[in-house]
Amino acid sequence: LFDEYAFGWFRQSPGKEREGVACIVRSGASNYRASLKGRFTIS
């Protein structure tokens, strides 16, 4: 049920842990990794 889920984007480079990039809730409100805000947009 897509509308009931929050979604996130994560990324992982070789030798590093998977880290959060951005996420978005059902209403459209979003959060970003501070260093990426302004360059990346989740929708």
PDB file of all heavy atoms in Angstrom:
ATOM      1  N   LEU A   1       0.866  -1.180   0.000  1.00  0.00           N
ATOM      2  CA  LEU A   1       0.000   0.000   0.000  1.00  0.00           C
ATOM      3  C   LEU A   1       0.899   1.225   0.000  1.00  0.00           C
ATOM      4  O   LEU A   1       1.285   1.742   1.052  1.00  0.00           O
ATOM      5  CB  LEU A   1      -0.922  -0.013   1.211  1.00  0.00           C
ATOM      6  CG  LEU A   1      -1.931  -1.163   1.258  1.00  0.00           C
ATOM      7  CD1 LEU A   1      -2.709  -1.149   2.560  1.00  0.00           C
ATOM      8  CD2 LEU A   1      -2.880  -1.103   0.071  1.00  0.00           C
ATOM      9  N   PHE A   2       1.230   1.675  -1.185  1.00  0.00           N
ATOM     10  CA  PHE A   2       2.226   2.722  -1.374  1.00  0.00           C
ATOM     11  C   PHE A   2       1.946   3.966  -0.523  1.00  0.00           C
ATOM     12  O   PHE A   2       2.863   4.530   0.076  1.00  0.00           O
ATOM     13  CB  PHE A   2       2.303   3.092  -2.852  1.00  0.00           C
ATOM     14  CG  PHE A   2       3.424   4.025  -3.195  1.00  0.00           C
ATOM     15  CD1 PHE A   2       4.673   3.531  -3.527  1.00  0.00           C
ATOM     16  CD2 PHE A   2       3.231   5.399  -3.180  1.00  0.00           C
ATOM     17  CE1 PHE A   2       5.713   4.387  -3.846  1.00  0.00           C
ATOM     18  CE2 PHE A   2       4.266   6.266  -3.500  1.00  0.00           C
ATOM     19  CZ  PHE A   2       5.509   5.756  -3.828  1.00  0.00           C
ATOM     20  N   ASP A   3       0.703   4.389  -0.482  1.00  0.00           N
ATOM     21  CA  ASP A   3       0.342   5.626   0.213  1.00  0.00           C
ATOM     22  C   ASP A   3       0.578   5.572   1.713  1.00  0.00           C
ATOM     23  O   ASP A   3       0.652   6.620   2.365  1.00  0.00           O
ATOM     24  CB  ASP A   3      -1.126   5.972  -0.039  1.00  0.00           C
ATOM     25  CG  ASP A   3      -1.428   6.318  -1.486  1.00  0.00           C
ATOM     26  OD1 ASP A   3      -0.518   6.219  -2.327  1.00  0.00           O
ATOM     27  OD2 ASP A   3      -2.585   6.692  -1.772  1.00  0.00           O
ATOM     28  N   GLU A   4       0.688   4.371   2.277  1.00  0.00           N
ATOM     29  CA  GLU A   4       0.855   4.227   3.717  1.00  0.00           C
ATOM     30  C   GLU A   4       2.318   4.124   4.138  1.00  0.00           C
ATOM     31  O   GLU A   4       2.613   4.027   5.328  1.00  0.00           O
ATOM     32  CB  GLU A   4       0.082   3.002   4.219  1.00  0.00           C
ATOM     33  CG  GLU A   4      -1.426   3.125   4.036  1.00  0.00           C
ATOM     34  CD  GLU A   4      -2.198   1.966   4.623  1.00  0.00           C
ATOM     35  OE1 GLU A   4      -1.557   1.049   5.194  1.00  0.00           O
ATOM     36  OE2 GLU A   4      -3.433   1.969   4.537  1.00  0.00           O
ATOM     37  N   TYR A   5       3.224   4.164   3.179  1.00  0.00           N
ATOM     38  CA  TYR A   5       4.637   3.983   3.483  1.00  0.00           C
ATOM     39  C   TYR A   5       5.440   5.266   3.336  1.00  0.00           C
ATOM     40  O   TYR A   5       5.164   6.107   2.468  1.00  0.00           O
ATOM     41  CB  TYR A   5       5.247   2.923   2.566  1.00  0.00           C
ATOM     42  CG  TYR A   5       4.964   1.511   2.995  1.00  0.00           C
ATOM     43  CD1 TYR A   5       3.733   0.924   2.760  1.00  0.00           C
ATOM     44  CD2 TYR A   5       5.944   0.763   3.652  1.00  0.00           C
ATOM     45  CE1 TYR A   5       3.468  -0.371   3.166  1.00  0.00           C
ATOM     46  CE2 TYR A   5       5.696  -0.536   4.052  1.00  0.00           C
ATOM     47  CZ  TYR A   5       4.457  -1.095   3.808  1.00  0.00           C
ATOM     48  OH  TYR A   5       4.206  -2.389   4.205  1.00  0.00           O
ATOM     49  N   ALA A   6       6.420   5.409   4.208  1.00  0.00           N
ATOM     50  CA  ALA A   6       7.474   6.380   4.009  1.00  0.00           C
ATOM     51  C   ALA A   6       8.568   5.713   3.186  1.00  0.00           C
ATOM     52  O   ALA A   6       8.735   4.493   3.233  1.00  0.00           O
ATOM     53  CB  ALA A   6       8.037   6.850   5.352  1.00  0.00           C
ATOM     54  N   PHE A   7       9.299   6.502   2.425  1.00  0.00           N
ATOM     55  CA  PHE A   7      10.363   5.961   1.593  1.00  0.00           C
ATOM     56  C   PHE A   7      11.661   6.719   1.804  1.00  0.00           C
ATOM     57  O   PHE A   7      11.659   7.910   2.114  1.00  0.00           O
ATOM     58  CB  PHE A   7       9.976   6.025   0.113  1.00  0.00           C
ATOM     59  CG  PHE A   7       9.000   4.978  -0.307  1.00  0.00           C
ATOM     60  CD1 PHE A   7       7.641   5.180  -0.155  1.00  0.00           C
ATOM     61  CD2 PHE A   7       9.436   3.787  -0.858  1.00  0.00           C
ATOM     62  CE1 PHE A   7       6.728   4.210  -0.539  1.00  0.00           C
ATOM     63  CE2 PHE A   7       8.537   2.811  -1.247  1.00  0.00           C
ATOM     64  CZ  PHE A   7       7.183   3.021  -1.086  1.00  0.00           C
ATOM     65  N   GLY A   8      12.744   6.004   1.606  1.00  0.00           N
ATOM     66  CA  GLY A   8      14.049   6.619   1.731  1.00  0.00           C
ATOM     67  C   GLY A   8      14.988   6.187   0.624  1.00  0.00           C
ATOM     68  O   GLY A   8      14.826   5.121   0.025  1.00  0.00           O
ATOM     69  N   TRP A   9      15.947   7.044   0.338  1.00  0.00           N
ATOM     70  CA  TRP A   9      17.059   6.712  -0.547  1.00  0.00           C
ATOM     71  C   TRP A   9      18.319   6.577   0.296  1.00  0.00           C
ATOM     72  O   TRP A   9      18.602   7.427   1.154  1.00  0.00           O
ATOM     73  CB  TRP A   9      17.278   7.785  -1.607  1.00  0.00           C
ATOM     74  CG  TRP A   9      16.283   7.777  -2.723  1.00  0.00           C
ATOM     75  CD1 TRP A   9      15.208   8.585  -2.871  1.00  0.00           C
ATOM     76  CD2 TRP A   9      16.290   6.913  -3.868  1.00  0.00           C
ATOM     77  NE1 TRP A   9      14.534   8.293  -4.035  1.00  0.00           N
ATOM     78  CE2 TRP A   9      15.172   7.267  -4.660  1.00  0.00           C
ATOM     79  CE3 TRP A   9      17.125   5.878  -4.304  1.00  0.00           C
ATOM     80  CZ2 TRP A   9      14.875   6.614  -5.862  1.00  0.00           C
ATOM     81  CZ3 TRP A   9      16.825   5.228  -5.490  1.00  0.00           C
ATOM     82  CH2 TRP A   9      15.714   5.601  -6.254  1.00  0.00           C
ATOM     83  N   PHE A  10      19.057   5.528   0.047  1.00  0.00           N
ATOM     84  CA  PHE A  10      20.317   5.271   0.720  1.00  0.00           C
ATOM     85  C   PHE A  10      21.388   5.016  -0.323  1.00  0.00           C
ATOM     86  O   PHE A  10      21.083   4.707  -1.471  1.00  0.00           O
ATOM     87  CB  PHE A  10      20.192   4.064   1.655  1.00  0.00           C
ATOM     88  CG  PHE A  10      19.243   4.276   2.805  1.00  0.00           C
ATOM     89  CD1 PHE A  10      17.873   4.177   2.614  1.00  0.00           C
ATOM     90  CD2 PHE A  10      19.716   4.578   4.070  1.00  0.00           C
ATOM     91  CE1 PHE A  10      16.988   4.372   3.662  1.00  0.00           C
ATOM     92  CE2 PHE A  10      18.846   4.773   5.131  1.00  0.00           C
ATOM     93  CZ  PHE A  10      17.482   4.672   4.925  1.00  0.00           C
ATOM     94  N   ARG A  11      22.632   5.138   0.081  1.00  0.00           N
ATOM     95  CA  ARG A  11      23.712   4.851  -0.842  1.00  0.00           C
ATOM     96  C   ARG A  11      24.860   4.173  -0.118  1.00  0.00           C
ATOM     97  O   ARG A  11      25.047   4.326   1.078  1.00  0.00           O
ATOM     98  CB  ARG A  11      24.203   6.124  -1.539  1.00  0.00           C
ATOM     99  CG  ARG A  11      24.896   7.131  -0.626  1.00  0.00           C
ATOM    100  CD  ARG A  11      25.242   8.399  -1.403  1.00  0.00           C
ATOM    101  NE  ARG A  11      26.007   9.343  -0.608  1.00  0.00           N
ATOM    102  CZ  ARG A  11      26.392  10.532  -1.026  1.00  0.00           C
ATOM    103  NH1 ARG A  11      26.077  10.933  -2.268  1.00  0.00           N
ATOM    104  NH2 ARG A  11      27.095  11.335  -0.231  1.00  0.00           N
ATOM    105  N   GLN A  12      25.640   3.428  -0.884  1.00  0.00           N
ATOM    106  CA  GLN A  12      26.761   2.705  -0.308  1.00  0.00           C
ATOM    107  C   GLN A  12      27.915   2.653  -1.295  1.00  0.00           C
ATOM    108  O   GLN A  12      27.745   2.244  -2.442  1.00  0.00           O
ATOM    109  CB  GLN A  12      26.344   1.282   0.085  1.00  0.00           C
ATOM    110  CG  GLN A  12      27.409   0.517   0.836  1.00  0.00           C
ATOM    111  CD  GLN A  12      26.881  -0.770   1.435  1.00  0.00           C
ATOM    112  OE1 GLN A  12      25.889  -1.321   0.960  1.00  0.00           O
ATOM    113  NE2 GLN A  12      27.532  -1.245   2.476  1.00  0.00           N
ATOM    114  N   SER A  13      29.073   3.073  -0.825  1.00  0.00           N
ATOM    115  CA  SER A  13      30.302   3.010  -1.599  1.00  0.00           C
ATOM    116  C   SER A  13      31.132   1.842  -1.103  1.00  0.00           C
ATOM    117  O   SER A  13      30.984   1.407   0.047  1.00  0.00           O
ATOM    118  CB  SER A  13      31.096   4.308  -1.457  1.00  0.00           C
ATOM    119  OG  SER A  13      30.346   5.422  -1.911  1.00  0.00           O
ATOM    120  N   PRO A  14      32.034   1.322  -1.934  1.00  0.00           N
ATOM    121  CA  PRO A  14      32.872   0.203  -1.509  1.00  0.00           C
ATOM    122  C   PRO A  14      33.635   0.502  -0.225  1.00  0.00           C
ATOM    123  O   PRO A  14      34.243   1.566  -0.096  1.00  0.00           O
ATOM    124  CB  PRO A  14      33.827   0.022  -2.685  1.00  0.00           C
ATOM    125  CG  PRO A  14      33.063   0.518  -3.863  1.00  0.00           C
ATOM    126  CD  PRO A  14      32.271   1.691  -3.338  1.00  0.00           C
ATOM    127  N   GLY A  15      33.563  -0.409   0.729  1.00  0.00           N
ATOM    128  CA  GLY A  15      34.271  -0.247   1.978  1.00  0.00           C
ATOM    129  C   GLY A  15      33.600   0.656   2.988  1.00  0.00           C
ATOM    130  O   GLY A  15      34.164   0.897   4.063  1.00  0.00           O
ATOM    131  N   LYS A  16      32.420   1.158   2.676  1.00  0.00           N
ATOM    132  CA  LYS A  16      31.713   2.047   3.577  1.00  0.00           C
ATOM    133  C   LYS A  16      30.337   1.496   3.925  1.00  0.00           C
ATOM    134  O   LYS A  16      29.789   0.656   3.218  1.00  0.00           O
ATOM    135  CB  LYS A  16      31.556   3.440   2.956  1.00  0.00           C
ATOM    136  CG  LYS A  16      32.864   4.139   2.645  1.00  0.00           C
ATOM    137  CD  LYS A  16      32.631   5.500   2.016  1.00  0.00           C
ATOM    138  CE  LYS A  16      31.910   6.444   2.952  1.00  0.00           C
ATOM    139  NZ  LYS A  16      31.729   7.796   2.341  1.00  0.00           N
ATOM    140  N   GLU A  17      29.793   1.972   5.020  1.00  0.00           N
ATOM    141  CA  GLU A  17      28.456   1.575   5.438  1.00  0.00           C
ATOM    142  C   GLU A  17      27.399   2.279   4.599  1.00  0.00           C
ATOM    143  O   GLU A  17      27.621   3.380   4.081  1.00  0.00           O
ATOM    144  CB  GLU A  17      28.240   1.893   6.912  1.00  0.00           C
ATOM    145  CG  GLU A  17      29.062   1.049   7.862  1.00  0.00           C
ATOM    146  CD  GLU A  17      28.670  -0.410   7.807  1.00  0.00           C
ATOM    147  OE1 GLU A  17      27.464  -0.710   7.859  1.00  0.00           O
ATOM    148  OE2 GLU A  17      29.570  -1.260   7.696  1.00  0.00           O
ATOM    149  N   ARG A  18      26.263   1.642   4.478  1.00  0.00           N
ATOM    150  CA  ARG A  18      25.143   2.250   3.777  1.00  0.00           C
ATOM    151  C   ARG A  18      24.638   3.451   4.581  1.00  0.00           C
ATOM    152  O   ARG A  18      24.406   3.348   5.786  1.00  0.00           O
ATOM    153  CB  ARG A  18      24.030   1.225   3.582  1.00  0.00           C
ATOM    154  CG  ARG A  18      22.946   1.664   2.621  1.00  0.00           C
ATOM    155  CD  ARG A  18      21.988   0.512   2.307  1.00  0.00           C
ATOM    156  NE  ARG A  18      22.674  -0.607   1.677  1.00  0.00           N
ATOM    157  CZ  ARG A  18      22.074  -1.708   1.248  1.00  0.00           C
ATOM    158  NH1 ARG A  18      20.756  -1.837   1.368  1.00  0.00           N
ATOM    159  NH2 ARG A  18      22.787  -2.682   0.699  1.00  0.00           N
ATOM    160  N   GLU A  19      24.461   4.582   3.915  1.00  0.00           N
ATOM    161  CA  GLU A  19      24.064   5.792   4.595  1.00  0.00           C
ATOM    162  C   GLU A  19      22.812   6.393   3.968  1.00  0.00           C
ATOM    163  O   GLU A  19      22.575   6.274   2.767  1.00  0.00           O
ATOM    164  CB  GLU A  19      25.187   6.831   4.573  1.00  0.00           C
ATOM    165  CG  GLU A  19      25.549   7.331   3.191  1.00  0.00           C
ATOM    166  CD  GLU A  19      26.648   8.366   3.212  1.00  0.00           C
ATOM    167  OE1 GLU A  19      27.407   8.426   4.201  1.00  0.00           O
ATOM    168  OE2 GLU A  19      26.772   9.130   2.223  1.00  0.00           O
ATOM    169  N   GLY A  20      22.035   7.044   4.796  1.00  0.00           N
ATOM    170  CA  GLY A  20      20.818   7.679   4.325  1.00  0.00           C
ATOM    171  C   GLY A  20      21.102   8.921   3.515  1.00  0.00           C
ATOM    172  O   GLY A  20      21.983   9.712   3.860  1.00  0.00           O
ATOM    173  N   VAL A  21      20.355   9.101   2.455  1.00  0.00           N
ATOM    174  CA  VAL A  21      20.472  10.264   1.584  1.00  0.00           C
ATOM    175  C   VAL A  21      19.307  11.215   1.807  1.00  0.00           C
ATOM    176  O   VAL A  21      19.491  12.406   2.064  1.00  0.00           O
ATOM    177  CB  VAL A  21      20.532   9.839   0.109  1.00  0.00           C
ATOM    178  CG1 VAL A  21      20.492  11.057  -0.810  1.00  0.00           C
ATOM    179  CG2 VAL A  21      21.778   9.005  -0.154  1.00  0.00           C
ATOM    180  N   ALA A  22      18.106  10.690   1.711  1.00  0.00           N
ATOM    181  CA  ALA A  22      16.900  11.483   1.874  1.00  0.00           C
ATOM    182  C   ALA A  22      15.736  10.552   2.147  1.00  0.00           C
ATOM    183  O   ALA A  22      15.784   9.367   1.817  1.00  0.00           O
ATOM    184  CB  ALA A  22      16.623  12.323   0.625  1.00  0.00           C
ATOM    185  N   CYS A  23      14.695  11.084   2.740  1.00  0.00           N
ATOM    186  CA  CYS A  23      13.492  10.296   2.955  1.00  0.00           C
ATOM    187  C   CYS A  23      12.272  11.189   2.835  1.00  0.00           C
ATOM    188  O   CYS A  23      12.366  12.409   2.947  1.00  0.00           O
ATOM    189  CB  CYS A  23      13.520   9.568   4.307  1.00  0.00           C
ATOM    190  SG  CYS A  23      13.473  10.649   5.762  1.00  0.00           S
ATOM    191  N   ILE A  24      11.131  10.554   2.620  1.00  0.00           N
ATOM    192  CA  ILE A  24       9.894  11.294   2.414  1.00  0.00           C
ATOM    193  C   ILE A  24       8.735  10.506   3.003  1.00  0.00           C
ATOM    194  O   ILE A  24       8.663   9.279   2.881  1.00  0.00           O
ATOM    195  CB  ILE A  24       9.681  11.581   0.912  1.00  0.00           C
ATOM    196  CG1 ILE A  24       8.481  12.498   0.686  1.00  0.00           C
ATOM    197  CG2 ILE A  24       9.538  10.276   0.127  1.00  0.00           C
ATOM    198  CD1 ILE A  24       8.418  13.041  -0.741  1.00  0.00           C
ATOM    199  N   VAL A  25       7.823  11.216   3.655  1.00  0.00           N
ATOM    200  CA  VAL A  25       6.667  10.574   4.267  1.00  0.00           C
ATOM    201  C   VAL A  25       5.456  10.704   3.355  1.00  0.00           C
ATOM    202  O   VAL A  25       5.522  11.318   2.289  1.00  0.00           O
ATOM    203  CB  VAL A  25       6.368  11.162   5.658  1.00  0.00           C
ATOM    204  CG1 VAL A  25       7.547  10.954   6.597  1.00  0.00           C
ATOM    205  CG2 VAL A  25       6.035  12.657   5.555  1.00  0.00           C
ATOM    206  N   ARG A  26       4.363  10.130   3.790  1.00  0.00           N
ATOM    207  CA  ARG A  26       3.171  10.067   2.954  1.00  0.00           C
ATOM    208  C   ARG A  26       2.630  11.439   2.562  1.00  0.00           C
ATOM    209  O   ARG A  26       2.050  11.591   1.485  1.00  0.00           O
ATOM    210  CB  ARG A  26       2.082   9.256   3.649  1.00  0.00           C
ATOM    211  CG  ARG A  26       1.689   9.796   5.018  1.00  0.00           C
ATOM    212  CD  ARG A  26       0.904   8.777   5.826  1.00  0.00           C
ATOM    213  NE  ARG A  26      -0.313   8.343   5.146  1.00  0.00           N
ATOM    214  CZ  ARG A  26      -1.181   7.471   5.648  1.00  0.00           C
ATOM    215  NH1 ARG A  26      -0.956   6.930   6.843  1.00  0.00           N
ATOM    216  NH2 ARG A  26      -2.258   7.129   4.952  1.00  0.00           N
ATOM    217  N   SER A  27       2.815  12.430   3.408  1.00  0.00           N
ATOM    218  CA  SER A  27       2.329  13.774   3.131  1.00  0.00           C
ATOM    219  C   SER A  27       3.205  14.538   2.149  1.00  0.00           C
ATOM    220  O   SER A  27       2.797  15.569   1.623  1.00  0.00           O
ATOM    221  CB  SER A  27       2.227  14.575   4.423  1.00  0.00           C
ATOM    222  OG  SER A  27       3.506  14.845   4.957  1.00  0.00           O
ATOM    223  N   GLY A  28       4.412  14.043   1.925  1.00  0.00           N
ATOM    224  CA  GLY A  28       5.351  14.729   1.066  1.00  0.00           C
ATOM    225  C   GLY A  28       6.449  15.453   1.807  1.00  0.00           C
ATOM    226  O   GLY A  28       7.409  15.933   1.183  1.00  0.00           O
ATOM    227  N   ALA A  29       6.345  15.552   3.126  1.00  0.00           N
ATOM    228  CA  ALA A  29       7.415  16.147   3.916  1.00  0.00           C
ATOM    229  C   ALA A  29       8.664  15.284   3.815  1.00  0.00           C
ATOM    230  O   ALA A  29       8.574  14.055   3.758  1.00  0.00           O
ATOM    231  CB  ALA A  29       6.989  16.296   5.366  1.00  0.00           C
ATOM    232  N   SER A  30       9.819  15.918   3.802  1.00  0.00           N
ATOM    233  CA  SER A  30      11.054  15.190   3.558  1.00  0.00           C
ATOM    234  C   SER A  30      12.176  15.606   4.499  1.00  0.00           C
ATOM    235  O   SER A  30      12.145  16.681   5.096  1.00  0.00           O
ATOM    236  CB  SER A  30      11.504  15.390   2.112  1.00  0.00           C
ATOM    237  OG  SER A  30      11.689  16.764   1.821  1.00  0.00           O
ATOM    238  N   ASN A  31      13.162  14.746   4.609  1.00  0.00           N
ATOM    239  CA  ASN A  31      14.385  15.003   5.352  1.00  0.00           C
ATOM    240  C   ASN A  31      15.575  14.628   4.488  1.00  0.00           C
ATOM    241  O   ASN A  31      15.495  13.708   3.677  1.00  0.00           O
ATOM    242  CB  ASN A  31      14.415  14.200   6.654  1.00  0.00           C
ATOM    243  CG  ASN A  31      13.380  14.662   7.647  1.00  0.00           C
ATOM    244  OD1 ASN A  31      13.341  15.826   8.014  1.00  0.00           O
ATOM    245  ND2 ASN A  31      12.527  13.743   8.086  1.00  0.00           N
ATOM    246  N   TYR A  32      16.683  15.338   4.682  1.00  0.00           N
ATOM    247  CA  TYR A  32      17.880  15.112   3.891  1.00  0.00           C
ATOM    248  C   TYR A  32      19.115  15.013   4.762  1.00  0.00           C
ATOM    249  O   TYR A  32      19.173  15.605   5.843  1.00  0.00           O
ATOM    250  CB  TYR A  32      18.109  16.260   2.905  1.00  0.00           C
ATOM    251  CG  TYR A  32      17.049  16.406   1.844  1.00  0.00           C
ATOM    252  CD1 TYR A  32      15.894  17.137   2.083  1.00  0.00           C
ATOM    253  CD2 TYR A  32      17.206  15.804   0.596  1.00  0.00           C
ATOM    254  CE1 TYR A  32      14.920  17.270   1.108  1.00  0.00           C
ATOM    255  CE2 TYR A  32      16.239  15.931  -0.381  1.00  0.00           C
ATOM    256  CZ  TYR A  32      15.097  16.667  -0.123  1.00  0.00           C
ATOM    257  OH  TYR A  32      14.138  16.793  -1.091  1.00  0.00           O
ATOM    258  N   ARG A  33      20.091  14.277   4.279  1.00  0.00           N
ATOM    259  CA  ARG A  33      21.404  14.358   4.866  1.00  0.00           C
ATOM    260  C   ARG A  33      21.875  15.792   4.658  1.00  0.00           C
ATOM    261  O   ARG A  33      21.810  16.315   3.542  1.00  0.00           O
ATOM    262  CB  ARG A  33      22.352  13.361   4.202  1.00  0.00           C
ATOM    263  CG  ARG A  33      23.788  13.432   4.680  1.00  0.00           C
ATOM    264  CD  ARG A  33      24.603  12.260   4.141  1.00  0.00           C
ATOM    265  NE  ARG A  33      24.200  11.006   4.749  1.00  0.00           N
ATOM    266  CZ  ARG A  33      24.675  10.543   5.896  1.00  0.00           C
ATOM    267  NH1 ARG A  33      25.592  11.223   6.574  1.00  0.00           N
ATOM    268  NH2 ARG A  33      24.240   9.387   6.385  1.00  0.00           N
ATOM    269  N   ALA A  34      22.340  16.410   5.723  1.00  0.00           N
ATOM    270  CA  ALA A  34      22.631  17.836   5.704  1.00  0.00           C
ATOM    271  C   ALA A  34      23.571  18.239   4.575  1.00  0.00           C
ATOM    272  O   ALA A  34      23.379  19.275   3.931  1.00  0.00           O
ATOM    273  CB  ALA A  34      23.203  18.266   7.050  1.00  0.00           C
ATOM    274  N   SER A  35      24.576  17.425   4.329  1.00  0.00           N
ATOM    275  CA  SER A  35      25.576  17.766   3.330  1.00  0.00           C
ATOM    276  C   SER A  35      25.050  17.711   1.897  1.00  0.00           C
ATOM    277  O   SER A  35      25.681  18.252   0.990  1.00  0.00           O
ATOM    278  CB  SER A  35      26.786  16.840   3.465  1.00  0.00           C
ATOM    279  OG  SER A  35      26.418  15.488   3.272  1.00  0.00           O
ATOM    280  N   LEU A  36      23.908  17.082   1.709  1.00  0.00           N
ATOM    281  CA  LEU A  36      23.350  16.908   0.371  1.00  0.00           C
ATOM    282  C   LEU A  36      22.186  17.843   0.071  1.00  0.00           C
ATOM    283  O   LEU A  36      21.789  17.986  -1.091  1.00  0.00           O
ATOM    284  CB  LEU A  36      22.889  15.467   0.173  1.00  0.00           C
ATOM    285  CG  LEU A  36      23.965  14.391   0.325  1.00  0.00           C
ATOM    286  CD1 LEU A  36      23.361  13.011   0.144  1.00  0.00           C
ATOM    287  CD2 LEU A  36      25.085  14.617  -0.675  1.00  0.00           C
ATOM    288  N   LYS A  37      21.641  18.440   1.102  1.00  0.00           N
ATOM    289  CA  LYS A  37      20.498  19.315   0.915  1.00  0.00           C
ATOM    290  C   LYS A  37      20.870  20.477   0.002  1.00  0.00           C
ATOM    291  O   LYS A  37      21.888  21.123   0.178  1.00  0.00           O
ATOM    292  CB  LYS A  37      19.999  19.829   2.260  1.00  0.00           C
ATOM    293  CG  LYS A  37      18.650  20.513   2.180  1.00  0.00           C
ATOM    294  CD  LYS A  37      18.120  20.842   3.563  1.00  0.00           C
ATOM    295  CE  LYS A  37      16.720  21.439   3.491  1.00  0.00           C
ATOM    296  NZ  LYS A  37      16.181  21.731   4.843  1.00  0.00           N
ATOM    297  N   GLY A  38      20.022  20.713  -0.984  1.00  0.00           N
ATOM    298  CA  GLY A  38      20.272  21.758  -1.955  1.00  0.00           C
ATOM    299  C   GLY A  38      20.674  21.207  -3.303  1.00  0.00           C
ATOM    300  O   GLY A  38      20.435  21.852  -4.332  1.00  0.00           O
ATOM    301  N   ARG A  39      21.287  20.041  -3.318  1.00  0.00           N
ATOM    302  CA  ARG A  39      21.659  19.376  -4.567  1.00  0.00           C
ATOM    303  C   ARG A  39      20.716  18.241  -4.917  1.00  0.00           C
ATOM    304  O   ARG A  39      20.465  17.982  -6.089  1.00  0.00           O
ATOM    305  CB  ARG A  39      23.086  18.834  -4.495  1.00  0.00           C
ATOM    306  CG  ARG A  39      24.162  19.903  -4.427  1.00  0.00           C
ATOM    307  CD  ARG A  39      25.531  19.311  -4.745  1.00  0.00           C
ATOM    308  NE  ARG A  39      25.940  18.302  -3.775  1.00  0.00           N
ATOM    309  CZ  ARG A  39      26.220  17.035  -4.073  1.00  0.00           C
ATOM    310  NH1 ARG A  39      26.146  16.611  -5.327  1.00  0.00           N
ATOM    311  NH2 ARG A  39      26.596  16.190  -3.122  1.00  0.00           N
ATOM    312  N   PHE A  40      20.215  17.560  -3.898  1.00  0.00           N
ATOM    313  CA  PHE A  40      19.346  16.403  -4.110  1.00  0.00           C
ATOM    314  C   PHE A  40      17.916  16.742  -3.690  1.00  0.00           C
ATOM    315  O   PHE A  40      17.701  17.445  -2.700  1.00  0.00           O
ATOM    316  CB  PHE A  40      19.824  15.208  -3.283  1.00  0.00           C
ATOM    317  CG  PHE A  40      21.095  14.571  -3.775  1.00  0.00           C
ATOM    318  CD1 PHE A  40      21.936  15.206  -4.670  1.00  0.00           C
ATOM    319  CD2 PHE A  40      21.444  13.306  -3.322  1.00  0.00           C
ATOM    320  CE1 PHE A  40      23.103  14.605  -5.111  1.00  0.00           C
ATOM    321  CE2 PHE A  40      22.609  12.696  -3.760  1.00  0.00           C
ATOM    322  CZ  PHE A  40      23.440  13.343  -4.649  1.00  0.00           C
ATOM    323  N   THR A  41      16.953  16.226  -4.434  1.00  0.00           N
ATOM    324  CA  THR A  41      15.548  16.423  -4.112  1.00  0.00           C
ATOM    325  C   THR A  41      14.797  15.105  -4.217  1.00  0.00           C
ATOM    326  O   THR A  41      14.836  14.446  -5.258  1.00  0.00           O
ATOM    327  CB  THR A  41      14.894  17.447  -5.053  1.00  0.00           C
ATOM    328  OG1 THR A  41      15.604  18.690  -4.997  1.00  0.00           O
ATOM    329  CG2 THR A  41      13.441  17.686  -4.646  1.00  0.00           C
ATOM    330  N   ILE A  42      14.126  14.737  -3.139  1.00  0.00           N
ATOM    331  CA  ILE A  42      13.326  13.526  -3.132  1.00  0.00           C
ATOM    332  C   ILE A  42      11.859  13.887  -3.366  1.00  0.00           C
ATOM    333  O   ILE A  42      11.384  14.930  -2.923  1.00  0.00           O
ATOM    334  CB  ILE A  42      13.497  12.758  -1.799  1.00  0.00           C
ATOM    335  CG1 ILE A  42      12.862  11.368  -1.889  1.00  0.00           C
ATOM    336  CG2 ILE A  42      12.924  13.551  -0.633  1.00  0.00           C
ATOM    337  CD1 ILE A  42      13.185  10.475  -0.689  1.00  0.00           C
ATOM    338  N   SER A  43      11.158  13.026  -4.082  1.00  0.00           N
ATOM    339  CA  SER A  43       9.745  13.247  -4.338  1.00  0.00           C
ATOM    340  C   SER A  43       9.056  11.912  -4.543  1.00  0.00           C
ATOM    341  O   SER A  43       9.714  10.880  -4.710  1.00  0.00           O
ATOM    342  CB  SER A  43       9.529  14.162  -5.551  1.00  0.00           C
ATOM    343  OG  SER A  43      10.053  13.570  -6.726  1.00  0.00           O
TER     344      SER A  43
END
